[in-house]
Amino acid sequence: MIRIGLISDTHSFLDDAVFNHFETCNEIWHAGDFGTMQLADQLASFKPLKGVYGNIDDNEIRNRFPEQLVFTCEGVKIMMRHIGGSPPKYNPETRKELLIHQPQLFISGHSHILKVMYDEKINCLHMNPGAAGKQGWHKVRTLIRFVIDGKEMKDCEVIELGKR
């Protein structure tokens, strides 16, 4: 069983509350738009970090994090990319990659809209943690915490960090 802290769109702002909310997590996954390498390093020094770069991230971040990650956690295949869309409106590149990799969990960021929804057409859960940073049009900063236990994804919690 692995507890995941899911975050995205920090845009160079890392609320200290993130460390409290992710204290019980085994790993942190960042779905892009870190903003600075210093922010990525802060997260990585706290817990093991997986992530993808976002459209605002510079070359330093792009050299450390890929555009897309495909990996297995416990018994769940995961695909993560910053810009992807959501069911049923994935962007063309993401739709192609989802059909190739056939993950059970697809994680994206970019929209600043928190979503957890199941796509029955491709048998895949989609998660977007919204935005944890202060830049953008979102009104409330959000995170997600969840558990992967074998092949089961469960105990999903939406965390509000406060107003932007």
N, C-alpha and C. Protein backbone atom coordinates (compact mmCIF):
# COMPACT_ATOMS: atom_id res chain seq x y z
N MET A 1 0.84 -1.18 0.00
CA MET A 1 0.00 0.00 0.00
C MET A 1 0.89 1.25 0.00
N ILE A 2 0.56 2.18 -0.90
CA ILE A 2 1.33 3.42 -1.02
C ILE A 2 0.36 4.60 -0.97
N ARG A 3 0.69 5.57 -0.12
CA ARG A 3 -0.09 6.81 -0.04
C ARG A 3 0.59 7.86 -0.90
N ILE A 4 -0.21 8.47 -1.78
CA ILE A 4 0.30 9.44 -2.75
C ILE A 4 -0.24 10.83 -2.42
N GLY A 5 0.64 11.82 -2.49
CA GLY A 5 0.25 13.22 -2.46
C GLY A 5 0.37 13.76 -3.87
N LEU A 6 -0.74 14.22 -4.43
CA LEU A 6 -0.78 14.68 -5.82
C LEU A 6 -0.97 16.19 -5.86
N ILE A 7 -0.09 16.86 -6.61
CA ILE A 7 -0.06 18.32 -6.67
C ILE A 7 0.24 18.75 -8.10
N SER A 8 -0.18 19.95 -8.44
CA SER A 8 0.11 20.48 -9.77
C SER A 8 0.03 22.00 -9.74
N ASP A 9 0.59 22.59 -10.76
CA ASP A 9 0.45 24.02 -11.01
C ASP A 9 0.77 24.87 -9.79
N THR A 10 1.95 24.62 -9.22
CA THR A 10 2.43 25.41 -8.10
C THR A 10 2.93 26.78 -8.56
N HIS A 11 3.40 26.88 -9.78
CA HIS A 11 3.84 28.17 -10.35
C HIS A 11 4.76 28.93 -9.38
N SER A 12 5.76 28.24 -8.85
CA SER A 12 6.79 28.81 -7.97
C SER A 12 6.33 29.11 -6.55
N PHE A 13 5.10 28.75 -6.18
CA PHE A 13 4.60 28.98 -4.83
C PHE A 13 4.30 27.65 -4.15
N LEU A 14 4.94 27.41 -3.01
CA LEU A 14 4.71 26.18 -2.26
C LEU A 14 4.25 26.54 -0.85
N ASP A 15 2.98 26.32 -0.60
CA ASP A 15 2.37 26.58 0.70
C ASP A 15 2.97 25.62 1.72
N ASP A 16 3.36 26.12 2.88
CA ASP A 16 3.91 25.26 3.94
C ASP A 16 2.94 24.16 4.36
N ALA A 17 1.64 24.41 4.18
CA ALA A 17 0.62 23.41 4.55
C ALA A 17 0.77 22.13 3.74
N VAL A 18 1.37 22.21 2.57
CA VAL A 18 1.57 21.00 1.74
C VAL A 18 2.35 19.95 2.53
N PHE A 19 3.35 20.38 3.28
CA PHE A 19 4.18 19.44 4.03
C PHE A 19 3.37 18.74 5.13
N ASN A 20 2.45 19.45 5.74
CA ASN A 20 1.57 18.84 6.75
C ASN A 20 0.61 17.85 6.10
N HIS A 21 0.02 18.25 4.98
CA HIS A 21 -0.97 17.39 4.32
C HIS A 21 -0.32 16.14 3.72
N PHE A 22 0.94 16.24 3.32
CA PHE A 22 1.62 15.11 2.70
C PHE A 22 2.53 14.34 3.67
N GLU A 23 2.46 14.66 4.94
CA GLU A 23 3.30 14.02 5.96
C GLU A 23 3.16 12.50 5.95
N THR A 24 1.93 12.01 5.80
CA THR A 24 1.69 10.56 5.85
C THR A 24 1.84 9.89 4.48
N CYS A 25 2.18 10.66 3.46
CA CYS A 25 2.33 10.10 2.11
C CYS A 25 3.70 9.46 1.95
N ASN A 26 3.75 8.43 1.11
CA ASN A 26 5.01 7.78 0.79
C ASN A 26 5.73 8.47 -0.36
N GLU A 27 4.94 9.05 -1.28
CA GLU A 27 5.50 9.72 -2.46
C GLU A 27 4.68 10.96 -2.77
N ILE A 28 5.32 11.91 -3.46
CA ILE A 28 4.63 13.07 -4.01
C ILE A 28 4.74 13.00 -5.52
N TRP A 29 3.62 13.22 -6.20
CA TRP A 29 3.59 13.27 -7.65
C TRP A 29 3.16 14.68 -8.06
N HIS A 30 3.95 15.32 -8.92
CA HIS A 30 3.67 16.68 -9.37
C HIS A 30 3.35 16.64 -10.86
N ALA A 31 2.17 17.13 -11.23
CA ALA A 31 1.70 17.05 -12.62
C ALA A 31 2.05 18.29 -13.43
N GLY A 32 3.16 18.94 -13.12
CA GLY A 32 3.69 19.99 -13.98
C GLY A 32 3.40 21.41 -13.56
N ASP A 33 4.15 22.33 -14.18
CA ASP A 33 4.18 23.75 -13.82
C ASP A 33 4.70 23.93 -12.40
N PHE A 34 5.89 23.37 -12.15
CA PHE A 34 6.58 23.58 -10.88
C PHE A 34 6.86 25.07 -10.69
N GLY A 35 7.42 25.67 -11.72
CA GLY A 35 7.80 27.08 -11.65
C GLY A 35 9.28 27.28 -11.41
N THR A 36 9.84 26.59 -10.41
CA THR A 36 11.28 26.70 -10.13
C THR A 36 11.83 25.34 -9.73
N MET A 37 13.11 25.17 -9.98
CA MET A 37 13.79 23.94 -9.55
C MET A 37 13.89 23.91 -8.02
N GLN A 38 13.98 25.07 -7.40
CA GLN A 38 14.04 25.14 -5.93
C GLN A 38 12.79 24.50 -5.33
N LEU A 39 11.64 24.76 -5.91
CA LEU A 39 10.39 24.17 -5.43
C LEU A 39 10.42 22.65 -5.59
N ALA A 40 10.86 22.18 -6.75
CA ALA A 40 10.98 20.73 -6.97
C ALA A 40 11.94 20.11 -5.96
N ASP A 41 13.05 20.79 -5.69
CA ASP A 41 14.02 20.28 -4.73
C ASP A 41 13.45 20.22 -3.31
N GLN A 42 12.64 21.22 -2.94
CA GLN A 42 12.00 21.20 -1.62
C GLN A 42 11.11 19.97 -1.47
N LEU A 43 10.31 19.70 -2.48
CA LEU A 43 9.42 18.52 -2.44
C LEU A 43 10.24 17.24 -2.40
N ALA A 44 11.28 17.16 -3.25
CA ALA A 44 12.10 15.95 -3.34
C ALA A 44 12.89 15.69 -2.06
N SER A 45 13.22 16.73 -1.31
CA SER A 45 13.94 16.52 -0.07
C SER A 45 12.99 16.08 1.06
N PHE A 46 11.70 16.28 0.86
CA PHE A 46 10.69 15.90 1.85
C PHE A 46 10.23 14.46 1.65
N LYS A 47 9.91 14.09 0.42
CA LYS A 47 9.42 12.75 0.07
C LYS A 47 9.93 12.41 -1.33
N PRO A 48 9.98 11.11 -1.69
CA PRO A 48 10.32 10.77 -3.07
C PRO A 48 9.35 11.46 -4.03
N LEU A 49 9.90 12.04 -5.10
CA LEU A 49 9.12 12.87 -6.03
C LEU A 49 9.16 12.31 -7.44
N LYS A 50 7.97 12.19 -8.03
CA LYS A 50 7.83 11.91 -9.46
C LYS A 50 7.14 13.12 -10.06
N GLY A 51 7.46 13.46 -11.29
CA GLY A 51 6.81 14.61 -11.90
C GLY A 51 7.05 14.70 -13.38
N VAL A 52 6.29 15.59 -14.00
CA VAL A 52 6.43 15.92 -15.41
C VAL A 52 6.56 17.44 -15.50
N TYR A 53 7.19 17.91 -16.56
CA TYR A 53 7.29 19.36 -16.72
C TYR A 53 5.99 19.91 -17.30
N GLY A 54 5.76 21.18 -17.03
CA GLY A 54 4.59 21.87 -17.57
C GLY A 54 5.01 22.95 -18.55
N ASN A 55 4.03 23.60 -19.13
CA ASN A 55 4.29 24.58 -20.17
C ASN A 55 5.03 25.82 -19.67
N ILE A 56 5.00 26.13 -18.38
CA ILE A 56 5.73 27.30 -17.88
C ILE A 56 7.13 26.95 -17.39
N ASP A 57 7.45 25.67 -17.32
CA ASP A 57 8.72 25.24 -16.75
C ASP A 57 9.89 25.47 -17.71
N ASP A 58 11.03 25.90 -17.14
CA ASP A 58 12.20 26.22 -17.94
C ASP A 58 13.01 24.97 -18.28
N ASN A 59 14.13 25.18 -18.99
CA ASN A 59 14.95 24.06 -19.45
C ASN A 59 15.55 23.26 -18.30
N GLU A 60 15.86 23.91 -17.18
CA GLU A 60 16.42 23.18 -16.04
C GLU A 60 15.43 22.12 -15.55
N ILE A 61 14.18 22.51 -15.44
CA ILE A 61 13.14 21.56 -15.01
C ILE A 61 12.89 20.53 -16.11
N ARG A 62 12.86 20.96 -17.36
CA ARG A 62 12.61 20.03 -18.48
C ARG A 62 13.74 19.01 -18.62
N ASN A 63 14.94 19.36 -18.19
CA ASN A 63 16.05 18.41 -18.24
C ASN A 63 15.96 17.37 -17.13
N ARG A 64 15.24 17.68 -16.07
CA ARG A 64 15.11 16.75 -14.94
C ARG A 64 13.83 15.92 -15.01
N PHE A 65 12.76 16.53 -15.51
CA PHE A 65 11.46 15.85 -15.57
C PHE A 65 11.02 15.73 -17.02
N PRO A 66 10.40 14.58 -17.38
CA PRO A 66 9.97 14.38 -18.77
C PRO A 66 8.61 15.05 -19.04
N GLU A 67 8.25 15.07 -20.31
CA GLU A 67 6.92 15.56 -20.69
C GLU A 67 5.84 14.57 -20.24
N GLN A 68 6.18 13.30 -20.29
CA GLN A 68 5.23 12.24 -19.94
C GLN A 68 5.94 11.15 -19.14
N LEU A 69 5.24 10.66 -18.14
CA LEU A 69 5.73 9.51 -17.36
C LEU A 69 4.72 8.39 -17.50
N VAL A 70 5.21 7.19 -17.74
CA VAL A 70 4.39 5.98 -17.70
C VAL A 70 5.12 5.02 -16.76
N PHE A 71 4.44 4.60 -15.71
CA PHE A 71 5.07 3.74 -14.71
C PHE A 71 4.00 2.92 -14.01
N THR A 72 4.45 1.95 -13.23
CA THR A 72 3.54 1.11 -12.45
C THR A 72 3.80 1.36 -10.98
N CYS A 73 2.74 1.54 -10.24
CA CYS A 73 2.80 1.69 -8.79
C CYS A 73 1.91 0.60 -8.21
N GLU A 74 2.52 -0.27 -7.38
CA GLU A 74 1.81 -1.46 -6.91
C GLU A 74 1.34 -2.19 -8.17
N GLY A 75 0.03 -2.42 -8.34
CA GLY A 75 -0.47 -3.12 -9.52
C GLY A 75 -1.20 -2.21 -10.50
N VAL A 76 -0.95 -0.89 -10.42
CA VAL A 76 -1.67 0.09 -11.24
C VAL A 76 -0.72 0.76 -12.22
N LYS A 77 -1.09 0.72 -13.50
CA LYS A 77 -0.31 1.42 -14.53
C LYS A 77 -0.78 2.87 -14.59
N ILE A 78 0.18 3.80 -14.53
CA ILE A 78 -0.12 5.22 -14.47
C ILE A 78 0.53 5.93 -15.65
N MET A 79 -0.21 6.89 -16.20
CA MET A 79 0.34 7.80 -17.20
C MET A 79 0.11 9.21 -16.70
N MET A 80 1.17 10.03 -16.72
CA MET A 80 1.08 11.40 -16.26
C MET A 80 1.66 12.34 -17.31
N ARG A 81 0.93 13.41 -17.59
CA ARG A 81 1.42 14.48 -18.44
C ARG A 81 0.71 15.76 -18.05
N HIS A 82 1.35 16.89 -18.23
CA HIS A 82 0.78 18.15 -17.76
C HIS A 82 -0.47 18.53 -18.54
N ILE A 83 -0.34 18.62 -19.86
CA ILE A 83 -1.47 19.02 -20.70
C ILE A 83 -2.06 17.77 -21.32
N GLY A 84 -3.30 17.47 -20.95
CA GLY A 84 -3.90 16.24 -21.46
C GLY A 84 -5.38 16.33 -21.75
N GLY A 85 -6.06 17.27 -21.14
CA GLY A 85 -7.51 17.28 -21.23
C GLY A 85 -8.08 16.31 -20.22
N SER A 86 -9.36 16.02 -20.38
CA SER A 86 -10.03 15.10 -19.47
C SER A 86 -11.15 14.38 -20.23
N PRO A 87 -11.67 13.30 -19.65
CA PRO A 87 -12.71 12.54 -20.35
C PRO A 87 -13.92 13.42 -20.68
N PRO A 88 -14.46 13.32 -21.85
CA PRO A 88 -13.99 12.60 -23.04
C PRO A 88 -13.16 13.48 -23.97
N LYS A 89 -12.75 14.65 -23.49
CA LYS A 89 -12.09 15.64 -24.34
C LYS A 89 -10.59 15.70 -24.08
N TYR A 90 -9.90 14.62 -24.42
CA TYR A 90 -8.44 14.61 -24.34
C TYR A 90 -7.89 15.34 -25.56
N ASN A 91 -6.70 15.92 -25.43
CA ASN A 91 -6.10 16.48 -26.62
C ASN A 91 -5.61 15.33 -27.51
N PRO A 92 -5.39 15.57 -28.80
CA PRO A 92 -5.05 14.47 -29.73
C PRO A 92 -3.83 13.64 -29.31
N GLU A 93 -2.75 14.30 -28.86
CA GLU A 93 -1.55 13.56 -28.47
C GLU A 93 -1.82 12.68 -27.25
N THR A 94 -2.55 13.19 -26.29
CA THR A 94 -2.88 12.42 -25.10
C THR A 94 -3.77 11.24 -25.45
N ARG A 95 -4.76 11.45 -26.29
CA ARG A 95 -5.65 10.36 -26.71
C ARG A 95 -4.83 9.22 -27.33
N LYS A 96 -3.88 9.60 -28.19
CA LYS A 96 -3.01 8.59 -28.82
C LYS A 96 -2.20 7.84 -27.77
N GLU A 97 -1.60 8.56 -26.82
CA GLU A 97 -0.78 7.94 -25.78
C GLU A 97 -1.61 7.06 -24.84
N LEU A 98 -2.83 7.48 -24.53
CA LEU A 98 -3.70 6.66 -23.69
C LEU A 98 -4.03 5.33 -24.37
N LEU A 99 -4.25 5.37 -25.68
CA LEU A 99 -4.55 4.13 -26.42
C LEU A 99 -3.32 3.23 -26.50
N ILE A 100 -2.14 3.82 -26.62
CA ILE A 100 -0.90 3.03 -26.68
C ILE A 100 -0.62 2.37 -25.32
N HIS A 101 -0.66 3.16 -24.25
CA HIS A 101 -0.21 2.68 -22.93
C HIS A 101 -1.30 2.01 -22.10
N GLN A 102 -2.55 2.35 -22.35
CA GLN A 102 -3.70 1.76 -21.65
C GLN A 102 -3.53 1.75 -20.13
N PRO A 103 -3.32 2.95 -19.54
CA PRO A 103 -3.17 3.01 -18.08
C PRO A 103 -4.50 2.83 -17.36
N GLN A 104 -4.42 2.49 -16.09
CA GLN A 104 -5.61 2.45 -15.24
C GLN A 104 -5.83 3.82 -14.58
N LEU A 105 -4.77 4.65 -14.54
CA LEU A 105 -4.85 5.98 -13.95
C LEU A 105 -4.13 6.96 -14.86
N PHE A 106 -4.83 8.02 -15.24
CA PHE A 106 -4.24 9.11 -16.03
C PHE A 106 -4.28 10.38 -15.19
N ILE A 107 -3.11 11.00 -15.00
CA ILE A 107 -2.99 12.21 -14.21
C ILE A 107 -2.55 13.36 -15.11
N SER A 108 -3.25 14.49 -14.97
CA SER A 108 -2.86 15.69 -15.70
C SER A 108 -2.99 16.90 -14.80
N GLY A 109 -2.52 18.03 -15.28
CA GLY A 109 -2.64 19.30 -14.60
C GLY A 109 -3.15 20.32 -15.60
N HIS A 110 -2.56 21.50 -15.61
CA HIS A 110 -2.73 22.55 -16.59
C HIS A 110 -4.04 23.34 -16.49
N SER A 111 -5.16 22.70 -16.35
CA SER A 111 -6.45 23.40 -16.41
C SER A 111 -6.75 24.21 -15.14
N HIS A 112 -6.08 23.89 -14.04
CA HIS A 112 -6.35 24.46 -12.72
C HIS A 112 -7.74 24.06 -12.22
N ILE A 113 -8.34 23.06 -12.84
CA ILE A 113 -9.66 22.57 -12.44
C ILE A 113 -9.50 21.19 -11.83
N LEU A 114 -9.83 21.06 -10.56
CA LEU A 114 -9.75 19.78 -9.88
C LEU A 114 -10.80 18.83 -10.44
N LYS A 115 -10.36 17.64 -10.85
CA LYS A 115 -11.28 16.62 -11.38
C LYS A 115 -10.82 15.24 -10.97
N VAL A 116 -11.76 14.43 -10.55
CA VAL A 116 -11.53 13.00 -10.36
C VAL A 116 -12.73 12.34 -11.03
N MET A 117 -12.47 11.67 -12.15
CA MET A 117 -13.58 11.07 -12.90
C MET A 117 -13.12 9.83 -13.64
N TYR A 118 -14.04 8.91 -13.80
CA TYR A 118 -13.72 7.64 -14.46
C TYR A 118 -14.16 7.69 -15.91
N ASP A 119 -13.28 7.25 -16.81
CA ASP A 119 -13.59 7.17 -18.24
C ASP A 119 -13.91 5.71 -18.57
N GLU A 120 -15.18 5.42 -18.67
CA GLU A 120 -15.61 4.04 -18.94
C GLU A 120 -15.17 3.55 -20.31
N LYS A 121 -15.02 4.45 -21.28
CA LYS A 121 -14.64 4.03 -22.63
C LYS A 121 -13.26 3.40 -22.67
N ILE A 122 -12.34 3.90 -21.82
CA ILE A 122 -10.99 3.34 -21.83
C ILE A 122 -10.62 2.70 -20.50
N ASN A 123 -11.61 2.54 -19.61
CA ASN A 123 -11.39 1.91 -18.30
C ASN A 123 -10.23 2.54 -17.55
N CYS A 124 -10.32 3.86 -17.36
CA CYS A 124 -9.22 4.61 -16.77
C CYS A 124 -9.77 5.70 -15.86
N LEU A 125 -9.19 5.80 -14.66
CA LEU A 125 -9.52 6.89 -13.75
C LEU A 125 -8.66 8.10 -14.11
N HIS A 126 -9.28 9.26 -14.19
CA HIS A 126 -8.55 10.50 -14.47
C HIS A 126 -8.53 11.36 -13.21
N MET A 127 -7.34 11.88 -12.88
CA MET A 127 -7.20 12.81 -11.76
C MET A 127 -6.45 14.05 -12.21
N ASN A 128 -6.98 15.19 -11.83
CA ASN A 128 -6.29 16.47 -11.96
C ASN A 128 -6.43 17.14 -10.61
N PRO A 129 -5.32 17.40 -9.92
CA PRO A 129 -5.41 17.95 -8.57
C PRO A 129 -5.75 19.44 -8.51
N GLY A 130 -6.03 20.06 -9.64
CA GLY A 130 -6.27 21.49 -9.65
C GLY A 130 -4.94 22.22 -9.52
N ALA A 131 -4.96 23.40 -8.93
CA ALA A 131 -3.75 24.20 -8.82
C ALA A 131 -3.45 24.51 -7.36
N ALA A 132 -2.19 24.29 -6.96
CA ALA A 132 -1.77 24.57 -5.59
C ALA A 132 -1.09 25.94 -5.48
N GLY A 133 -0.81 26.57 -6.62
CA GLY A 133 -0.15 27.86 -6.61
C GLY A 133 -1.13 29.02 -6.61
N LYS A 134 -0.57 30.23 -6.66
CA LYS A 134 -1.39 31.43 -6.58
C LYS A 134 -1.63 32.09 -7.93
N GLN A 135 -0.97 31.61 -8.99
CA GLN A 135 -1.17 32.19 -10.32
C GLN A 135 -2.23 31.42 -11.06
N GLY A 136 -3.09 32.14 -11.77
CA GLY A 136 -4.15 31.52 -12.55
C GLY A 136 -5.51 32.04 -12.15
N TRP A 137 -6.52 31.49 -12.75
CA TRP A 137 -7.87 31.99 -12.54
C TRP A 137 -8.65 31.22 -11.48
N HIS A 138 -8.11 30.11 -10.98
CA HIS A 138 -8.80 29.32 -9.96
C HIS A 138 -9.00 30.17 -8.70
N LYS A 139 -10.02 29.86 -7.95
CA LYS A 139 -10.33 30.63 -6.74
C LYS A 139 -9.78 29.97 -5.47
N VAL A 140 -9.68 28.63 -5.46
CA VAL A 140 -9.22 27.88 -4.29
C VAL A 140 -8.06 26.99 -4.72
N ARG A 141 -6.99 26.97 -3.92
CA ARG A 141 -5.82 26.13 -4.18
C ARG A 141 -6.10 24.73 -3.63
N THR A 142 -5.80 23.69 -4.44
CA THR A 142 -6.18 22.32 -4.08
C THR A 142 -5.05 21.32 -4.30
N LEU A 143 -5.18 20.19 -3.58
CA LEU A 143 -4.32 19.01 -3.68
C LEU A 143 -5.21 17.78 -3.63
N ILE A 144 -4.62 16.62 -3.91
CA ILE A 144 -5.32 15.34 -3.72
C ILE A 144 -4.38 14.40 -2.97
N ARG A 145 -4.95 13.63 -2.06
CA ARG A 145 -4.25 12.51 -1.41
C ARG A 145 -5.05 11.26 -1.71
N PHE A 146 -4.35 10.16 -2.02
CA PHE A 146 -5.04 8.90 -2.27
C PHE A 146 -4.10 7.73 -2.01
N VAL A 147 -4.68 6.54 -2.03
CA VAL A 147 -3.95 5.31 -1.74
C VAL A 147 -4.02 4.39 -2.94
N ILE A 148 -2.90 3.74 -3.24
CA ILE A 148 -2.87 2.63 -4.19
C ILE A 148 -2.51 1.40 -3.38
N ASP A 149 -3.41 0.44 -3.39
CA ASP A 149 -3.23 -0.79 -2.62
C ASP A 149 -3.42 -1.96 -3.58
N GLY A 150 -2.32 -2.53 -4.03
CA GLY A 150 -2.40 -3.58 -5.05
C GLY A 150 -2.89 -2.97 -6.35
N LYS A 151 -4.05 -3.44 -6.82
CA LYS A 151 -4.64 -2.90 -8.05
C LYS A 151 -5.76 -1.92 -7.76
N GLU A 152 -5.93 -1.60 -6.49
CA GLU A 152 -7.05 -0.76 -6.08
C GLU A 152 -6.58 0.66 -5.76
N MET A 153 -7.32 1.65 -6.27
CA MET A 153 -7.10 3.05 -5.94
C MET A 153 -8.24 3.43 -5.01
N LYS A 154 -7.91 4.01 -3.84
CA LYS A 154 -8.96 4.26 -2.86
C LYS A 154 -8.59 5.42 -1.94
N ASP A 155 -9.51 5.74 -1.05
CA ASP A 155 -9.31 6.76 -0.01
C ASP A 155 -8.87 8.10 -0.60
N CYS A 156 -9.51 8.50 -1.68
CA CYS A 156 -9.19 9.76 -2.33
C CYS A 156 -9.72 10.93 -1.49
N GLU A 157 -8.84 11.87 -1.18
CA GLU A 157 -9.21 13.05 -0.39
C GLU A 157 -8.83 14.31 -1.16
N VAL A 158 -9.78 15.22 -1.28
CA VAL A 158 -9.52 16.53 -1.85
C VAL A 158 -9.17 17.46 -0.69
N ILE A 159 -8.08 18.19 -0.85
CA ILE A 159 -7.63 19.10 0.20
C ILE A 159 -7.64 20.52 -0.36
N GLU A 160 -8.31 21.41 0.35
CA GLU A 160 -8.31 22.82 -0.02
C GLU A 160 -7.28 23.56 0.83
N LEU A 161 -6.40 24.30 0.16
CA LEU A 161 -5.35 25.04 0.84
C LEU A 161 -5.75 26.47 1.16
N GLY A 162 -6.86 26.90 0.66
CA GLY A 162 -7.31 28.28 0.87
C GLY A 162 -7.43 29.02 -0.44
N LYS A 163 -7.82 30.27 -0.32
CA LYS A 163 -8.03 31.09 -1.52
C LYS A 163 -6.72 31.43 -2.20
N ARG A 164 -6.83 31.61 -3.50
CA ARG A 164 -5.67 31.98 -4.29
C ARG A 164 -5.18 33.32 -3.83
